[in-house]
Amino acid sequence: MVTAHVFIACSLDGFIARQNGDIDWLLQRDTSAEAHGFDDFIADKDMILMGRGTYEKVLTFDSWPYNLPVLVLSEQLAKEPVPLALEGKVRFSTLTPKHALESLAEQGVHRVYVDGGQLIQSFLRERLIADMVITTVPVLLGSGRPLFGDMAQDIGLALVSSRSFPSGLVQSHYRVLPQ
């Protein structure tokens, strides 16, 4: 069985990016002296699943930041070839979250990092997320791309831990409760 895990930052008002996808409010913060636990989080993951928006944002970075294989779940991108520089690192797929996890289980994958607002929402709607580490940045954006969207039903969470950092960031780890 594959378990899906989230590690993401959002503004205090719940946005992961501005309407145009910009994350300048996150990248401009000097938190370099703080370890926020991403290295520990990613250490036991076999693969990264991300949505198209996140993939396209990561492409704007100076270099590809991931050592793990990445599966991008996107109807649009599945029709495109993977860029030459990312061959062997990235694959595109039209699979649904449930079918993606089933396929990955057949390939021996056990733990995946799910990244991207809409993809996280899709996984949550299907009750496929095991836990979430959410780092709240002390800034109000007023509008943008929300971390969470409409849900057909409530999704219960249990707080595993919470900690604050000198920069003002607050990080909470939640386990998603069974239905």
N, C-alpha and C. Protein backbone atom coordinates (compact mmCIF):
# COMPACT_ATOMS: atom_id res chain seq x y z
N MET A 1 0.82 -1.18 0.00
CA MET A 1 0.00 0.00 0.00
C MET A 1 0.87 1.25 0.00
N VAL A 2 0.52 2.23 -0.82
CA VAL A 2 1.25 3.48 -0.89
C VAL A 2 0.57 4.49 0.02
N THR A 3 1.36 5.20 0.82
CA THR A 3 0.81 6.28 1.62
C THR A 3 1.26 7.61 1.04
N ALA A 4 0.37 8.59 1.12
CA ALA A 4 0.62 9.92 0.54
C ALA A 4 0.74 10.94 1.66
N HIS A 5 1.75 11.81 1.55
CA HIS A 5 2.10 12.75 2.60
C HIS A 5 2.30 14.14 2.00
N VAL A 6 1.95 15.17 2.77
CA VAL A 6 2.03 16.56 2.31
C VAL A 6 3.00 17.33 3.18
N PHE A 7 3.79 18.20 2.55
CA PHE A 7 4.66 19.16 3.23
C PHE A 7 4.54 20.44 2.42
N ILE A 8 3.93 21.47 3.00
CA ILE A 8 3.64 22.67 2.21
C ILE A 8 3.58 23.89 3.11
N ALA A 9 3.79 25.05 2.52
CA ALA A 9 3.67 26.33 3.24
C ALA A 9 2.48 27.09 2.69
N CYS A 10 1.86 27.87 3.56
CA CYS A 10 0.77 28.73 3.12
C CYS A 10 0.79 30.02 3.94
N SER A 11 0.13 31.03 3.42
CA SER A 11 -0.01 32.28 4.15
C SER A 11 -0.96 32.07 5.32
N LEU A 12 -0.99 33.02 6.24
CA LEU A 12 -1.88 32.90 7.39
C LEU A 12 -3.34 32.82 6.96
N ASP A 13 -3.66 33.43 5.80
CA ASP A 13 -5.04 33.34 5.32
C ASP A 13 -5.26 32.18 4.35
N GLY A 14 -4.33 31.22 4.32
CA GLY A 14 -4.56 29.94 3.65
C GLY A 14 -4.22 29.84 2.18
N PHE A 15 -3.40 30.76 1.67
CA PHE A 15 -3.04 30.72 0.24
C PHE A 15 -1.63 30.17 0.06
N ILE A 16 -1.46 29.38 -1.00
CA ILE A 16 -0.13 28.81 -1.29
C ILE A 16 0.60 29.60 -2.36
N ALA A 17 -0.13 30.47 -3.05
CA ALA A 17 0.46 31.31 -4.09
C ALA A 17 -0.50 32.47 -4.37
N ARG A 18 0.03 33.49 -5.02
CA ARG A 18 -0.84 34.57 -5.47
C ARG A 18 -1.69 34.05 -6.63
N GLN A 19 -2.68 34.82 -7.07
CA GLN A 19 -3.54 34.39 -8.17
C GLN A 19 -2.73 34.02 -9.41
N ASN A 20 -1.63 34.75 -9.67
CA ASN A 20 -0.80 34.50 -10.85
C ASN A 20 0.23 33.39 -10.62
N GLY A 21 0.18 32.72 -9.47
CA GLY A 21 1.10 31.63 -9.17
C GLY A 21 2.38 32.07 -8.48
N ASP A 22 2.57 33.36 -8.28
CA ASP A 22 3.79 33.88 -7.69
C ASP A 22 3.90 33.48 -6.21
N ILE A 23 5.10 33.09 -5.80
CA ILE A 23 5.35 32.75 -4.40
C ILE A 23 6.44 33.65 -3.82
N ASP A 24 6.54 34.88 -4.34
CA ASP A 24 7.55 35.83 -3.87
C ASP A 24 7.46 36.06 -2.37
N TRP A 25 6.26 36.08 -1.82
CA TRP A 25 6.03 36.29 -0.39
C TRP A 25 6.69 35.21 0.45
N LEU A 26 6.89 34.05 -0.14
CA LEU A 26 7.53 32.93 0.56
C LEU A 26 9.04 32.94 0.34
N LEU A 27 9.45 33.19 -0.89
CA LEU A 27 10.87 33.13 -1.23
C LEU A 27 11.67 34.30 -0.68
N GLN A 28 11.01 35.43 -0.39
CA GLN A 28 11.72 36.61 0.11
C GLN A 28 12.02 36.55 1.59
N ARG A 29 11.44 35.61 2.29
CA ARG A 29 11.66 35.50 3.73
C ARG A 29 13.04 34.88 3.99
N ASP A 30 13.79 35.49 4.88
CA ASP A 30 15.10 34.93 5.23
C ASP A 30 14.93 33.94 6.38
N THR A 31 14.79 32.70 6.01
CA THR A 31 14.65 31.63 7.01
C THR A 31 15.80 30.64 6.89
N SER A 32 16.87 31.07 6.23
CA SER A 32 17.99 30.17 5.93
C SER A 32 18.66 29.62 7.20
N ALA A 33 18.55 30.33 8.31
CA ALA A 33 19.18 29.87 9.54
C ALA A 33 18.33 28.82 10.26
N GLU A 34 17.12 28.58 9.75
CA GLU A 34 16.20 27.65 10.39
C GLU A 34 16.05 26.37 9.58
N ALA A 35 16.07 25.26 10.28
CA ALA A 35 15.77 23.98 9.63
C ALA A 35 14.29 23.71 9.85
N HIS A 36 13.55 23.62 8.77
CA HIS A 36 12.10 23.44 8.87
C HIS A 36 11.66 21.99 8.69
N GLY A 37 12.62 21.08 8.57
CA GLY A 37 12.29 19.66 8.57
C GLY A 37 12.03 19.03 7.22
N PHE A 38 12.21 19.77 6.13
CA PHE A 38 11.93 19.16 4.83
C PHE A 38 12.86 17.98 4.54
N ASP A 39 14.14 18.13 4.87
CA ASP A 39 15.08 17.03 4.60
C ASP A 39 14.68 15.76 5.34
N ASP A 40 14.25 15.92 6.59
CA ASP A 40 13.78 14.75 7.35
C ASP A 40 12.50 14.20 6.73
N PHE A 41 11.60 15.09 6.33
CA PHE A 41 10.33 14.67 5.74
C PHE A 41 10.57 13.85 4.46
N ILE A 42 11.41 14.34 3.58
CA ILE A 42 11.58 13.72 2.26
C ILE A 42 12.46 12.48 2.32
N ALA A 43 13.20 12.31 3.40
CA ALA A 43 14.18 11.21 3.50
C ALA A 43 13.58 9.83 3.33
N ASP A 44 12.32 9.63 3.75
CA ASP A 44 11.73 8.30 3.64
C ASP A 44 10.69 8.19 2.52
N LYS A 45 10.71 9.14 1.60
CA LYS A 45 9.77 9.10 0.47
C LYS A 45 10.45 8.45 -0.73
N ASP A 46 9.64 7.76 -1.53
CA ASP A 46 10.14 7.08 -2.72
C ASP A 46 9.95 7.90 -3.98
N MET A 47 8.99 8.82 -3.95
CA MET A 47 8.62 9.53 -5.17
C MET A 47 7.86 10.80 -4.80
N ILE A 48 7.82 11.73 -5.75
CA ILE A 48 7.06 12.97 -5.59
C ILE A 48 5.95 12.98 -6.64
N LEU A 49 4.73 13.26 -6.20
CA LEU A 49 3.61 13.46 -7.11
C LEU A 49 3.27 14.93 -7.07
N MET A 50 3.17 15.56 -8.23
CA MET A 50 2.83 16.98 -8.23
C MET A 50 1.87 17.30 -9.35
N GLY A 51 1.19 18.41 -9.17
CA GLY A 51 0.27 18.90 -10.17
C GLY A 51 0.99 19.76 -11.20
N ARG A 52 0.27 20.09 -12.25
CA ARG A 52 0.84 20.88 -13.34
C ARG A 52 1.32 22.25 -12.88
N GLY A 53 0.52 22.95 -12.08
CA GLY A 53 0.89 24.29 -11.64
C GLY A 53 2.19 24.30 -10.86
N THR A 54 2.34 23.33 -9.97
CA THR A 54 3.57 23.24 -9.18
C THR A 54 4.75 22.89 -10.08
N TYR A 55 4.55 21.95 -10.98
CA TYR A 55 5.62 21.58 -11.91
C TYR A 55 6.07 22.80 -12.71
N GLU A 56 5.11 23.54 -13.24
CA GLU A 56 5.47 24.71 -14.05
C GLU A 56 6.17 25.77 -13.21
N LYS A 57 5.81 25.90 -11.95
CA LYS A 57 6.49 26.85 -11.06
C LYS A 57 7.92 26.39 -10.81
N VAL A 58 8.11 25.10 -10.53
CA VAL A 58 9.44 24.57 -10.25
C VAL A 58 10.36 24.74 -11.47
N LEU A 59 9.79 24.67 -12.67
CA LEU A 59 10.59 24.88 -13.88
C LEU A 59 11.21 26.27 -13.93
N THR A 60 10.65 27.24 -13.21
CA THR A 60 11.20 28.60 -13.22
C THR A 60 12.37 28.75 -12.27
N PHE A 61 12.63 27.76 -11.41
CA PHE A 61 13.76 27.83 -10.48
C PHE A 61 15.06 27.70 -11.27
N ASP A 62 16.16 28.11 -10.66
CA ASP A 62 17.47 28.07 -11.32
C ASP A 62 17.88 26.66 -11.70
N SER A 63 17.51 25.68 -10.88
CA SER A 63 17.84 24.29 -11.19
C SER A 63 16.73 23.39 -10.65
N TRP A 64 16.69 22.17 -11.17
CA TRP A 64 15.70 21.20 -10.73
C TRP A 64 16.07 20.77 -9.31
N PRO A 65 15.19 20.98 -8.31
CA PRO A 65 15.60 20.77 -6.92
C PRO A 65 15.42 19.36 -6.37
N TYR A 66 14.90 18.42 -7.16
CA TYR A 66 14.54 17.12 -6.60
C TYR A 66 15.46 16.01 -7.06
N ASN A 67 15.81 15.14 -6.12
CA ASN A 67 16.58 13.94 -6.44
C ASN A 67 15.67 12.74 -6.67
N LEU A 68 14.48 12.79 -6.10
CA LEU A 68 13.52 11.69 -6.27
C LEU A 68 12.83 11.78 -7.62
N PRO A 69 12.34 10.65 -8.13
CA PRO A 69 11.56 10.70 -9.36
C PRO A 69 10.26 11.46 -9.11
N VAL A 70 9.80 12.18 -10.13
CA VAL A 70 8.60 13.01 -10.04
C VAL A 70 7.58 12.53 -11.06
N LEU A 71 6.36 12.33 -10.60
CA LEU A 71 5.24 12.00 -11.47
C LEU A 71 4.29 13.19 -11.44
N VAL A 72 4.10 13.82 -12.59
CA VAL A 72 3.21 14.96 -12.69
C VAL A 72 1.87 14.47 -13.22
N LEU A 73 0.82 14.65 -12.41
CA LEU A 73 -0.52 14.23 -12.81
C LEU A 73 -1.20 15.41 -13.48
N SER A 74 -1.34 15.31 -14.81
CA SER A 74 -1.89 16.42 -15.58
C SER A 74 -2.42 15.94 -16.92
N GLU A 75 -3.67 16.23 -17.18
CA GLU A 75 -4.26 15.91 -18.49
C GLU A 75 -3.51 16.66 -19.58
N GLN A 76 -3.23 17.95 -19.34
CA GLN A 76 -2.57 18.79 -20.35
C GLN A 76 -1.16 18.31 -20.67
N LEU A 77 -0.36 18.11 -19.64
CA LEU A 77 1.05 17.79 -19.86
C LEU A 77 1.25 16.38 -20.39
N ALA A 78 0.30 15.48 -20.14
CA ALA A 78 0.45 14.09 -20.58
C ALA A 78 0.58 14.01 -22.10
N LYS A 79 0.13 15.04 -22.79
CA LYS A 79 0.23 15.07 -24.26
C LYS A 79 1.56 15.64 -24.74
N GLU A 80 2.35 16.15 -23.80
CA GLU A 80 3.62 16.80 -24.12
C GLU A 80 4.79 15.86 -23.82
N PRO A 81 5.89 16.02 -24.54
CA PRO A 81 7.09 15.25 -24.18
C PRO A 81 7.75 15.87 -22.94
N VAL A 82 8.41 15.04 -22.15
CA VAL A 82 9.19 15.53 -21.01
C VAL A 82 10.40 16.29 -21.57
N PRO A 83 10.71 17.46 -21.03
CA PRO A 83 11.90 18.19 -21.49
C PRO A 83 13.15 17.32 -21.40
N LEU A 84 14.02 17.44 -22.37
CA LEU A 84 15.24 16.63 -22.43
C LEU A 84 16.01 16.63 -21.12
N ALA A 85 16.16 17.81 -20.50
CA ALA A 85 16.94 17.92 -19.26
C ALA A 85 16.31 17.16 -18.10
N LEU A 86 15.03 16.81 -18.22
CA LEU A 86 14.34 16.13 -17.13
C LEU A 86 14.01 14.68 -17.44
N GLU A 87 14.45 14.18 -18.58
CA GLU A 87 14.20 12.78 -18.92
C GLU A 87 14.83 11.89 -17.86
N GLY A 88 14.09 10.90 -17.42
CA GLY A 88 14.55 10.01 -16.36
C GLY A 88 14.29 10.55 -14.96
N LYS A 89 13.89 11.82 -14.88
CA LYS A 89 13.58 12.43 -13.59
C LYS A 89 12.09 12.69 -13.43
N VAL A 90 11.41 12.94 -14.55
CA VAL A 90 10.01 13.35 -14.54
C VAL A 90 9.22 12.50 -15.52
N ARG A 91 8.01 12.14 -15.12
CA ARG A 91 7.05 11.50 -16.03
C ARG A 91 5.73 12.24 -15.92
N PHE A 92 4.96 12.24 -16.98
CA PHE A 92 3.62 12.83 -16.99
C PHE A 92 2.60 11.71 -17.06
N SER A 93 1.44 11.93 -16.43
CA SER A 93 0.41 10.91 -16.43
C SER A 93 -0.97 11.55 -16.31
N THR A 94 -1.97 10.87 -16.87
CA THR A 94 -3.35 11.30 -16.74
C THR A 94 -4.09 10.50 -15.66
N LEU A 95 -3.38 9.65 -14.93
CA LEU A 95 -4.03 8.82 -13.91
C LEU A 95 -4.69 9.68 -12.83
N THR A 96 -5.78 9.18 -12.30
CA THR A 96 -6.41 9.81 -11.14
C THR A 96 -5.53 9.54 -9.92
N PRO A 97 -5.72 10.29 -8.84
CA PRO A 97 -4.91 10.01 -7.65
C PRO A 97 -4.98 8.55 -7.21
N LYS A 98 -6.18 7.99 -7.14
CA LYS A 98 -6.33 6.59 -6.70
C LYS A 98 -5.60 5.63 -7.63
N HIS A 99 -5.77 5.82 -8.93
CA HIS A 99 -5.12 4.92 -9.89
C HIS A 99 -3.61 5.13 -9.93
N ALA A 100 -3.17 6.35 -9.68
CA ALA A 100 -1.73 6.61 -9.62
C ALA A 100 -1.11 5.84 -8.46
N LEU A 101 -1.76 5.87 -7.30
CA LEU A 101 -1.24 5.14 -6.14
C LEU A 101 -1.27 3.63 -6.38
N GLU A 102 -2.31 3.13 -7.02
CA GLU A 102 -2.38 1.71 -7.34
C GLU A 102 -1.24 1.30 -8.27
N SER A 103 -0.99 2.13 -9.28
CA SER A 103 0.09 1.85 -10.23
C SER A 103 1.45 1.89 -9.53
N LEU A 104 1.64 2.87 -8.67
CA LEU A 104 2.91 2.99 -7.96
C LEU A 104 3.13 1.83 -7.00
N ALA A 105 2.06 1.33 -6.40
CA ALA A 105 2.17 0.17 -5.50
C ALA A 105 2.70 -1.03 -6.28
N GLU A 106 2.21 -1.20 -7.50
CA GLU A 106 2.68 -2.30 -8.35
C GLU A 106 4.16 -2.16 -8.70
N GLN A 107 4.67 -0.92 -8.65
CA GLN A 107 6.08 -0.65 -8.95
C GLN A 107 6.96 -0.68 -7.70
N GLY A 108 6.36 -1.02 -6.55
CA GLY A 108 7.14 -1.12 -5.32
C GLY A 108 7.32 0.19 -4.57
N VAL A 109 6.56 1.20 -4.92
CA VAL A 109 6.62 2.48 -4.22
C VAL A 109 5.79 2.36 -2.93
N HIS A 110 6.28 2.96 -1.84
CA HIS A 110 5.59 2.85 -0.56
C HIS A 110 5.10 4.19 -0.01
N ARG A 111 5.92 5.24 -0.14
CA ARG A 111 5.58 6.54 0.44
C ARG A 111 5.84 7.64 -0.59
N VAL A 112 4.84 8.50 -0.79
CA VAL A 112 4.98 9.57 -1.77
C VAL A 112 4.69 10.93 -1.13
N TYR A 113 5.37 11.92 -1.64
CA TYR A 113 5.18 13.32 -1.27
C TYR A 113 4.26 13.92 -2.31
N VAL A 114 3.11 14.44 -1.89
CA VAL A 114 2.15 15.05 -2.80
C VAL A 114 2.28 16.56 -2.68
N ASP A 115 2.51 17.24 -3.81
CA ASP A 115 2.73 18.68 -3.80
C ASP A 115 1.87 19.36 -4.86
N GLY A 116 1.29 20.47 -4.48
CA GLY A 116 0.47 21.26 -5.38
C GLY A 116 -0.96 21.37 -4.85
N GLY A 117 -1.46 22.58 -4.76
CA GLY A 117 -2.75 22.82 -4.15
C GLY A 117 -3.89 21.99 -4.70
N GLN A 118 -4.10 22.03 -6.01
CA GLN A 118 -5.22 21.29 -6.58
C GLN A 118 -5.03 19.79 -6.44
N LEU A 119 -3.78 19.33 -6.57
CA LEU A 119 -3.53 17.89 -6.42
C LEU A 119 -3.78 17.45 -4.98
N ILE A 120 -3.31 18.25 -4.02
CA ILE A 120 -3.56 17.93 -2.61
C ILE A 120 -5.06 17.87 -2.36
N GLN A 121 -5.79 18.83 -2.90
CA GLN A 121 -7.25 18.83 -2.74
C GLN A 121 -7.88 17.56 -3.33
N SER A 122 -7.41 17.15 -4.49
CA SER A 122 -7.93 15.93 -5.12
C SER A 122 -7.66 14.71 -4.25
N PHE A 123 -6.45 14.61 -3.73
CA PHE A 123 -6.10 13.49 -2.86
C PHE A 123 -6.92 13.51 -1.58
N LEU A 124 -7.13 14.69 -1.02
CA LEU A 124 -7.95 14.79 0.18
C LEU A 124 -9.39 14.37 -0.09
N ARG A 125 -9.96 14.82 -1.20
CA ARG A 125 -11.34 14.46 -1.53
C ARG A 125 -11.51 12.95 -1.63
N GLU A 126 -10.45 12.27 -2.09
CA GLU A 126 -10.50 10.80 -2.22
C GLU A 126 -10.00 10.11 -0.95
N ARG A 127 -9.70 10.90 0.08
CA ARG A 127 -9.24 10.36 1.38
C ARG A 127 -7.95 9.56 1.22
N LEU A 128 -7.01 10.10 0.45
CA LEU A 128 -5.76 9.39 0.16
C LEU A 128 -4.54 9.98 0.86
N ILE A 129 -4.72 11.05 1.62
CA ILE A 129 -3.59 11.66 2.34
C ILE A 129 -3.51 11.07 3.74
N ALA A 130 -2.31 10.64 4.14
CA ALA A 130 -2.11 10.08 5.48
C ALA A 130 -1.86 11.19 6.49
N ASP A 131 -1.00 12.15 6.12
CA ASP A 131 -0.70 13.24 7.04
C ASP A 131 -0.20 14.45 6.26
N MET A 132 -0.22 15.60 6.96
CA MET A 132 0.18 16.86 6.34
C MET A 132 1.03 17.67 7.31
N VAL A 133 2.14 18.19 6.81
CA VAL A 133 2.94 19.16 7.55
C VAL A 133 2.70 20.49 6.85
N ILE A 134 2.07 21.41 7.57
CA ILE A 134 1.71 22.70 7.00
C ILE A 134 2.44 23.79 7.76
N THR A 135 3.26 24.55 7.04
CA THR A 135 3.99 25.66 7.63
C THR A 135 3.25 26.95 7.28
N THR A 136 2.82 27.65 8.32
CA THR A 136 2.08 28.88 8.12
C THR A 136 3.04 30.06 8.20
N VAL A 137 3.03 30.87 7.15
CA VAL A 137 3.89 32.04 7.04
C VAL A 137 3.10 33.26 7.52
N PRO A 138 3.67 34.07 8.41
CA PRO A 138 2.93 35.20 8.96
C PRO A 138 2.80 36.36 7.96
N VAL A 139 1.95 36.14 6.98
CA VAL A 139 1.65 37.18 5.99
C VAL A 139 0.21 36.96 5.54
N LEU A 140 -0.50 38.05 5.30
CA LEU A 140 -1.85 37.98 4.77
C LEU A 140 -1.81 38.42 3.32
N LEU A 141 -2.23 37.55 2.41
CA LEU A 141 -2.22 37.88 0.98
C LEU A 141 -3.56 38.45 0.52
N GLY A 142 -4.63 38.13 1.20
CA GLY A 142 -5.94 38.65 0.83
C GLY A 142 -6.64 37.86 -0.25
N SER A 143 -5.88 37.33 -1.17
CA SER A 143 -6.43 36.48 -2.23
C SER A 143 -5.29 35.66 -2.80
N GLY A 144 -5.64 34.66 -3.58
CA GLY A 144 -4.62 33.82 -4.19
C GLY A 144 -5.15 32.43 -4.42
N ARG A 145 -4.25 31.50 -4.56
CA ARG A 145 -4.61 30.10 -4.77
C ARG A 145 -4.68 29.41 -3.40
N PRO A 146 -5.86 28.94 -3.02
CA PRO A 146 -6.02 28.37 -1.68
C PRO A 146 -5.40 26.98 -1.55
N LEU A 147 -4.91 26.71 -0.35
CA LEU A 147 -4.42 25.36 -0.07
C LEU A 147 -5.58 24.38 -0.08
N PHE A 148 -6.69 24.78 0.51
CA PHE A 148 -7.85 23.90 0.57
C PHE A 148 -9.00 24.51 -0.21
N GLY A 149 -9.80 23.67 -0.83
CA GLY A 149 -10.96 24.12 -1.58
C GLY A 149 -12.21 23.48 -1.01
N ASP A 150 -13.24 23.47 -1.81
CA ASP A 150 -14.51 22.87 -1.40
C ASP A 150 -14.34 21.37 -1.18
N MET A 151 -14.94 20.89 -0.13
CA MET A 151 -14.93 19.47 0.18
C MET A 151 -16.38 19.01 0.30
N ALA A 152 -16.67 17.83 -0.20
CA ALA A 152 -18.02 17.28 -0.12
C ALA A 152 -18.39 16.94 1.31
N GLN A 153 -17.38 16.65 2.13
CA GLN A 153 -17.61 16.32 3.54
C GLN A 153 -16.43 16.81 4.36
N ASP A 154 -16.65 16.92 5.65
CA ASP A 154 -15.57 17.33 6.54
C ASP A 154 -14.46 16.28 6.53
N ILE A 155 -13.24 16.74 6.70
CA ILE A 155 -12.10 15.85 6.83
C ILE A 155 -11.48 16.12 8.19
N GLY A 156 -11.60 15.15 9.06
CA GLY A 156 -11.07 15.30 10.42
C GLY A 156 -9.57 15.16 10.45
N LEU A 157 -8.94 15.96 11.30
CA LEU A 157 -7.49 15.94 11.45
C LEU A 157 -7.14 15.82 12.93
N ALA A 158 -6.04 15.17 13.23
CA ALA A 158 -5.51 15.09 14.58
C ALA A 158 -4.15 15.77 14.59
N LEU A 159 -3.97 16.72 15.48
CA LEU A 159 -2.69 17.41 15.59
C LEU A 159 -1.66 16.46 16.17
N VAL A 160 -0.58 16.25 15.43
CA VAL A 160 0.52 15.40 15.89
C VAL A 160 1.53 16.25 16.66
N SER A 161 1.86 17.42 16.07
CA SER A 161 2.80 18.33 16.73
C SER A 161 2.68 19.71 16.11
N SER A 162 3.19 20.69 16.84
CA SER A 162 3.21 22.05 16.34
C SER A 162 4.43 22.75 16.93
N ARG A 163 5.08 23.57 16.14
CA ARG A 163 6.23 24.31 16.64
C ARG A 163 6.33 25.64 15.93
N SER A 164 6.95 26.58 16.60
CA SER A 164 7.16 27.90 16.00
C SER A 164 8.65 28.13 15.82
N PHE A 165 8.95 29.06 14.93
CA PHE A 165 10.33 29.39 14.60
C PHE A 165 10.59 30.86 14.88
N PRO A 166 11.84 31.25 15.13
CA PRO A 166 12.16 32.67 15.38
C PRO A 166 11.69 33.60 14.25
N SER A 167 11.61 33.10 13.04
CA SER A 167 11.17 33.93 11.90
C SER A 167 9.67 34.22 11.94
N GLY A 168 8.94 33.53 12.83
CA GLY A 168 7.50 33.71 12.92
C GLY A 168 6.71 32.61 12.24
N LEU A 169 7.39 31.73 11.53
CA LEU A 169 6.70 30.60 10.91
C LEU A 169 6.18 29.66 11.98
N VAL A 170 5.03 29.07 11.73
CA VAL A 170 4.46 28.08 12.62
C VAL A 170 4.19 26.83 11.79
N GLN A 171 4.71 25.71 12.26
CA GLN A 171 4.58 24.46 11.51
C GLN A 171 3.75 23.47 12.33
N SER A 172 2.71 22.95 11.68
CA SER A 172 1.84 21.98 12.34
C SER A 172 1.80 20.70 11.52
N HIS A 173 1.87 19.60 12.22
CA HIS A 173 1.82 18.28 11.59
C HIS A 173 0.49 17.65 11.99
N TYR A 174 -0.32 17.30 11.00
CA TYR A 174 -1.63 16.71 11.22
C TYR A 174 -1.70 15.32 10.61
N ARG A 175 -2.35 14.42 11.31
CA ARG A 175 -2.70 13.12 10.76
C ARG A 175 -4.14 13.21 10.28
N VAL A 176 -4.41 12.69 9.10
CA VAL A 176 -5.77 12.71 8.59
C VAL A 176 -6.51 11.52 9.20
N LEU A 177 -7.64 11.82 9.82
CA LEU A 177 -8.41 10.78 10.49
C LEU A 177 -9.20 9.95 9.49
N PRO A 178 -9.37 8.67 9.80
CA PRO A 178 -10.18 7.84 8.90
C PRO A 178 -11.63 8.35 8.88
N GLN A 179 -12.30 8.04 7.84
CA GLN A 179 -13.67 8.48 7.63
C GLN A 179 -14.61 7.96 8.67
